[in-house]
Amino acid sequence: MGFHLGDTAPDFTAMTTDGEITFPDWQGDSWVVFYSHPADFTPVCTTELGRTAALMSEFSARNTKPIALSIDPIEDHHAWAPDIGEVTGTALNFPIVADPDRAIAQLYDMIHPGEGDTSTVRSVFVIDPEHKIRLMLTYPKSVGRNFDEIVRVIDALQATDRDPIATPADWRPGDRVIVSLAMSTEDAKERFDNVEEFKPYLRYADAP
């Protein structure tokens, strides 16, 4: 199944390390980072889940809930969880979905042909409180994700939802922003501080 940005994230009910959840009910009015990892008891995945756990306060500050998935059974998730805390220094503090029949992985197109088996690759979905998919990333199994970038993207999405702006390359909170093309320079100067027009289509302003 193919997705586009802005599509509604598919619903599912599944067992997790925090018990059974129905996805939209569990999400509530939060943002969600939903990502797959190839398998439990694997090195890269252990570092990724530990990094996510260490960033929980950052996610919470952004009204965001992380949730992971692999096609391993729930018993394996529970057995693996202590390793995550031991190796990375932060105990697992968010749910891992068990998907042994691969139903959710197939629903979200997390299994890619040609990878040598039927395990999931490193897919990432950022889903907004309206249950809309706002970002999709796919990493190969051999490459661990940059979770600082995932947090940065959430900041950018939330900033551009609040104001008629875009964010330039490598933007981080506090950096200058780009005025939306839908807004005139005159209107921008009334709304934002320190508006500078470099080109008619490129106006920078201080972050709101």
Protein backbone atom coordinates (compact mmCIF):
# COMPACT_ATOMS: atom_id res chain seq x y z
CA MET A 1 0.00 0.00 0.00
CA GLY A 2 1.44 3.38 -0.99
CA PHE A 3 1.11 6.53 1.07
CA HIS A 4 1.37 10.22 0.37
CA LEU A 5 2.00 13.04 2.79
CA GLY A 6 -1.31 14.18 4.22
CA ASP A 7 -2.92 10.74 4.04
CA THR A 8 -4.65 9.41 7.13
CA ALA A 9 -2.48 6.95 9.02
CA PRO A 10 -4.06 3.47 8.99
CA ASP A 11 -5.64 2.33 12.23
CA PHE A 12 -4.70 -0.90 13.93
CA THR A 13 -5.16 -2.79 17.18
CA ALA A 14 -2.15 -4.69 18.47
CA MET A 15 -0.36 -6.06 21.50
CA THR A 16 2.58 -3.97 22.71
CA THR A 17 5.01 -4.03 25.60
CA ASP A 18 2.55 -1.66 27.34
CA GLY A 19 -0.46 -3.92 26.66
CA GLU A 20 -2.99 -3.96 23.85
CA ILE A 21 -3.62 -0.64 22.12
CA THR A 22 -5.90 0.69 19.42
CA PHE A 23 -3.71 3.16 17.61
CA PRO A 24 -5.92 6.27 17.32
CA ASP A 25 -7.12 5.89 20.91
CA TRP A 26 -3.55 5.50 22.15
CA GLN A 27 -2.46 8.51 20.11
CA GLY A 28 -5.15 10.84 21.45
CA ASP A 29 -4.30 14.45 20.60
CA SER A 30 -0.55 13.87 20.43
CA TRP A 31 1.94 13.77 17.61
CA VAL A 32 3.43 10.32 17.01
CA VAL A 33 6.74 8.98 15.77
CA PHE A 34 5.94 5.46 14.55
CA TYR A 35 8.92 3.48 13.33
CA SER A 36 9.89 -0.07 12.48
CA HIS A 37 13.08 -1.92 13.32
CA PRO A 38 14.17 -5.13 11.62
CA ALA A 39 14.39 -7.45 14.61
CA ASP A 40 14.82 -7.78 18.37
CA PHE A 41 18.22 -8.75 19.79
CA THR A 42 20.04 -6.92 16.99
CA PRO A 43 22.78 -4.31 17.51
CA VAL A 44 21.61 -1.27 15.56
CA CYS A 45 18.04 -1.63 16.81
CA THR A 46 19.22 -1.79 20.41
CA THR A 47 21.00 1.55 20.01
CA GLU A 48 18.00 3.11 18.28
CA LEU A 49 15.45 2.14 20.91
CA GLY A 50 17.80 3.25 23.67
CA ARG A 51 18.27 6.61 21.97
CA THR A 52 14.50 7.02 21.66
CA ALA A 53 14.08 6.25 25.35
CA ALA A 54 16.77 8.81 26.23
CA LEU A 55 14.90 11.46 24.21
CA MET A 56 11.56 10.88 25.94
CA SER A 57 11.62 14.26 27.71
CA GLU A 58 12.27 15.96 24.35
CA PHE A 59 9.37 14.12 22.75
CA SER A 60 7.09 14.89 25.68
CA ALA A 61 7.95 18.60 25.46
CA ARG A 62 6.68 18.49 21.88
CA ASN A 63 3.46 16.59 22.73
CA THR A 64 4.87 13.59 20.85
CA LYS A 65 4.69 9.87 21.57
CA PRO A 66 7.19 7.40 20.09
CA ILE A 67 6.15 3.85 19.27
CA ALA A 68 8.22 1.14 17.59
CA LEU A 69 7.36 -2.07 15.76
CA SER A 70 9.01 -5.28 14.69
CA ILE A 71 7.60 -8.58 13.48
CA ASP A 72 8.88 -10.40 16.57
CA PRO A 73 6.38 -11.74 19.13
CA ILE A 74 5.60 -9.90 22.34
CA GLU A 75 7.58 -12.43 24.41
CA ASP A 76 10.75 -11.47 22.52
CA HIS A 77 10.06 -7.76 23.04
CA HIS A 78 9.79 -8.26 26.78
CA ALA A 79 12.91 -10.45 26.88
CA TRP A 80 14.92 -7.90 24.86
CA ALA A 81 13.82 -4.80 26.80
CA PRO A 82 16.36 -5.24 29.65
CA ASP A 83 19.20 -5.35 27.12
CA ILE A 84 18.18 -1.91 25.82
CA GLY A 85 18.53 -0.39 29.27
CA GLU A 86 21.74 -2.22 30.04
CA VAL A 87 23.48 -1.30 26.79
CA THR A 88 22.29 2.29 26.38
CA GLY A 89 21.75 3.40 29.96
CA THR A 90 18.06 4.25 29.55
CA ALA A 91 15.30 1.75 30.25
CA LEU A 92 12.60 1.20 27.65
CA ASN A 93 9.86 3.76 28.37
CA PHE A 94 7.63 3.59 25.29
CA PRO A 95 5.73 0.75 23.60
CA ILE A 96 7.01 -1.72 21.03
CA VAL A 97 4.31 -3.24 18.84
CA ALA A 98 4.39 -7.01 18.30
CA ASP A 99 3.50 -7.84 14.69
CA PRO A 100 4.31 -11.55 14.22
CA ASP A 101 1.81 -11.97 11.39
CA ARG A 102 3.26 -8.89 9.63
CA ALA A 103 -0.21 -7.38 9.19
CA ILE A 104 0.75 -3.89 10.41
CA ALA A 105 4.12 -3.97 8.63
CA GLN A 106 2.35 -4.74 5.38
CA LEU A 107 -0.33 -2.12 6.08
CA TYR A 108 2.39 0.53 6.45
CA ASP A 109 4.59 -0.89 3.67
CA MET A 110 7.46 -1.50 6.08
CA ILE A 111 8.63 -4.68 4.34
CA HIS A 112 10.59 -3.98 1.18
CA PRO A 113 11.34 -6.61 -1.46
CA GLY A 114 14.95 -7.41 -2.16
CA GLU A 115 16.18 -7.04 1.42
CA GLY A 116 16.88 -10.75 1.75
CA ASP A 117 14.09 -11.70 4.16
CA THR A 118 10.66 -10.59 5.30
CA SER A 119 11.70 -8.44 8.26
CA THR A 120 10.97 -4.73 8.31
CA VAL A 121 13.35 -2.03 7.18
CA ARG A 122 13.83 1.19 9.16
CA SER A 123 10.68 3.11 8.23
CA VAL A 124 9.67 6.28 10.08
CA PHE A 125 6.29 8.01 10.07
CA VAL A 126 5.58 11.29 11.83
CA ILE A 127 1.83 11.55 12.37
CA ASP A 128 0.07 14.71 13.55
CA PRO A 129 -2.81 14.99 16.06
CA GLU A 130 -5.30 14.86 13.18
CA HIS A 131 -3.88 11.40 12.38
CA LYS A 132 -2.33 12.67 9.14
CA ILE A 133 1.05 11.44 7.91
CA ARG A 134 3.39 14.44 7.82
CA LEU A 135 6.77 12.81 7.21
CA MET A 136 8.02 9.50 5.83
CA LEU A 137 11.62 8.28 5.95
CA THR A 138 13.11 4.92 5.06
CA TYR A 139 16.60 3.83 6.07
CA PRO A 140 18.33 0.62 5.05
CA LYS A 141 18.80 -2.00 7.72
CA SER A 142 22.52 -1.30 8.07
CA VAL A 143 22.14 2.43 8.84
CA GLY A 144 20.92 3.67 12.20
CA ARG A 145 18.58 6.64 12.24
CA ASN A 146 19.47 10.17 13.33
CA PHE A 147 16.91 10.82 16.06
CA ASP A 148 18.09 14.40 16.53
CA GLU A 149 16.89 14.97 12.96
CA ILE A 150 13.52 13.42 13.74
CA VAL A 151 13.11 15.78 16.69
CA ARG A 152 14.21 18.70 14.49
CA VAL A 153 11.60 17.82 11.88
CA ILE A 154 8.86 17.76 14.51
CA ASP A 155 9.96 21.25 15.60
CA ALA A 156 9.82 22.43 11.99
CA LEU A 157 6.40 20.89 11.33
CA GLN A 158 4.94 22.41 14.48
CA ALA A 159 6.48 25.82 13.69
CA THR A 160 5.12 25.86 10.14
CA ASP A 161 1.70 24.80 11.40
CA ARG A 162 1.60 27.76 13.79
CA ASP A 163 2.73 30.50 11.40
CA PRO A 164 2.85 31.22 7.64
CA ILE A 165 6.52 30.30 7.36
CA ALA A 166 8.87 27.71 5.93
CA THR A 167 12.19 26.58 7.36
CA PRO A 168 15.47 26.82 5.42
CA ALA A 169 18.10 24.13 5.08
CA ASP A 170 19.54 22.93 8.39
CA TRP A 171 17.05 25.06 10.36
CA ARG A 172 16.83 24.62 14.10
CA PRO A 173 14.55 26.33 16.63
CA GLY A 174 15.68 29.92 17.14
CA ASP A 175 17.11 30.27 13.63
CA ARG A 176 15.61 32.71 11.16
CA VAL A 177 12.68 31.49 9.11
CA ILE A 178 11.43 32.01 5.57
CA VAL A 179 8.22 33.96 5.02
CA SER A 180 5.53 31.99 3.20
CA LEU A 181 5.15 32.75 -0.51
CA ALA A 182 1.46 33.28 0.18
CA MET A 183 2.22 36.38 2.27
CA SER A 184 3.27 39.75 0.87
CA THR A 185 6.41 41.42 2.17
CA GLU A 186 4.29 44.28 3.54
CA ASP A 187 2.08 41.89 5.50
CA ALA A 188 5.13 39.98 6.67
CA LYS A 189 6.66 43.16 8.12
CA GLU A 190 3.50 43.71 10.13
CA ARG A 191 3.57 40.18 11.52
CA PHE A 192 7.28 39.34 11.89
CA ASP A 193 10.38 41.12 13.12
CA ASN A 194 13.41 41.99 11.00
CA VAL A 195 12.02 40.95 7.60
CA GLU A 196 14.68 41.01 4.87
CA GLU A 197 13.96 40.49 1.19
CA PHE A 198 16.85 38.78 -0.59
CA LYS A 199 14.73 37.92 -3.62
CA PRO A 200 11.02 38.51 -4.25
CA TYR A 201 10.53 34.83 -3.47
CA LEU A 202 12.97 34.64 -0.54
CA ARG A 203 12.22 36.74 2.56
CA TYR A 204 13.84 35.94 5.88
CA ALA A 205 12.42 36.96 9.25
CA ASP A 206 13.19 36.40 12.91
CA ALA A 207 11.45 33.36 14.30
CA PRO A 208 8.04 34.18 15.79
